[in-house]
Amino acid sequence: MTNPAPARTVYKLPQVTALFWVLKIAATTLGETGGDLLAQTLKLGYAAASLLFLAIFVVSLIAQLRARRFHPALYWTVIAATSTAGTTMSDLINRGPGSDTSTDGGLGYGAGAALLISGLAIVFVIWRFSGQTYDVSNIRTLRGEMLYWAAILLSNTLGTSLGDYLSDSSGLGYGGGAALIGTIMVVILLAHYCTPISGVVLFWMAFILTRPLGATAGDLLSKSHSSGGLGFGTYGTSAVLLAILVAGIAYSHAKAARTTPENSDDDLIRAIE
């Protein structure tokens, strides 16, 4: 009797490179402007926009989980979906179901952030006791990937709340909020190269902070001059960010095509049963 072949695994997540961070910031900024485009500019409202973006997220996530290898376009579609859904879900929690930018109809930034922090903490606790690794370079199981995406969705929603608070209520404004988050991310980068702090911890800190950076940068680019923004609008800003994202994905595909994969298509991860 022959022994069954051992289960094989592949990487379904991208390598963390400079391009990864460029695309992550572009996707999160697009999530802010895209979410505002539907919910505010087109007056769809936060509740309806959240349902739409959550549906897109679920469909794209199922495709990602069932995929047998890493597909750049699919991965970044899910990331963009979490960013747009995170934008409108955060606004729904903080501001209410309509399209108003005040917090009178919602929980407000403080209570909303507390709720989202609790949810994200619960995900990381479950992750810790599930036996799965936090190291994104070693996530190779279905359970680990599902926890990864749950953390991303909640962190993007939380990051939107933080970004909106910095832009609207802290007195920093859009530019000041973006500068503050950008400075913190530079400190994290320096800590990566100059301190013994765990790279996994620093990765998740930077990953979470890209969302408020995207939120403040997106508002800075799209809001009117009278509101403290640069006045490019949600249409123009979203179009430029989408072009950057598409160009980066195309480059990733071209690079992957030039690289011989370590595992063949037979060494692919198990899809959802």
Foldseek 3Di string as FASTA:
>chain_A
DDDDDDAFWAQQDDDDDPLVLVLLLLLLLLLQLVLLCVQAVVFVWLVNQLVVLVVQLVVLVQVSQQDFHHALVSVSSNSSSLNNNLQSVLCCAQCNGTSDPDRPHHDHLPVSLVVLVVQLVVLVVCCVVVPHDLPSVPPTASVSVVSVSSNSSSLLNSLLSVLCCCQPPPPLHLVRQLVVLVVVLVVLVCCVVPHPPDPSVSVVVNSSSSNSNSNSVSCQDAPPVVSNHPNCHSVRSSVVSVVVNVVSSVVVVVVVVVDDDPDDSVSTGHHDD
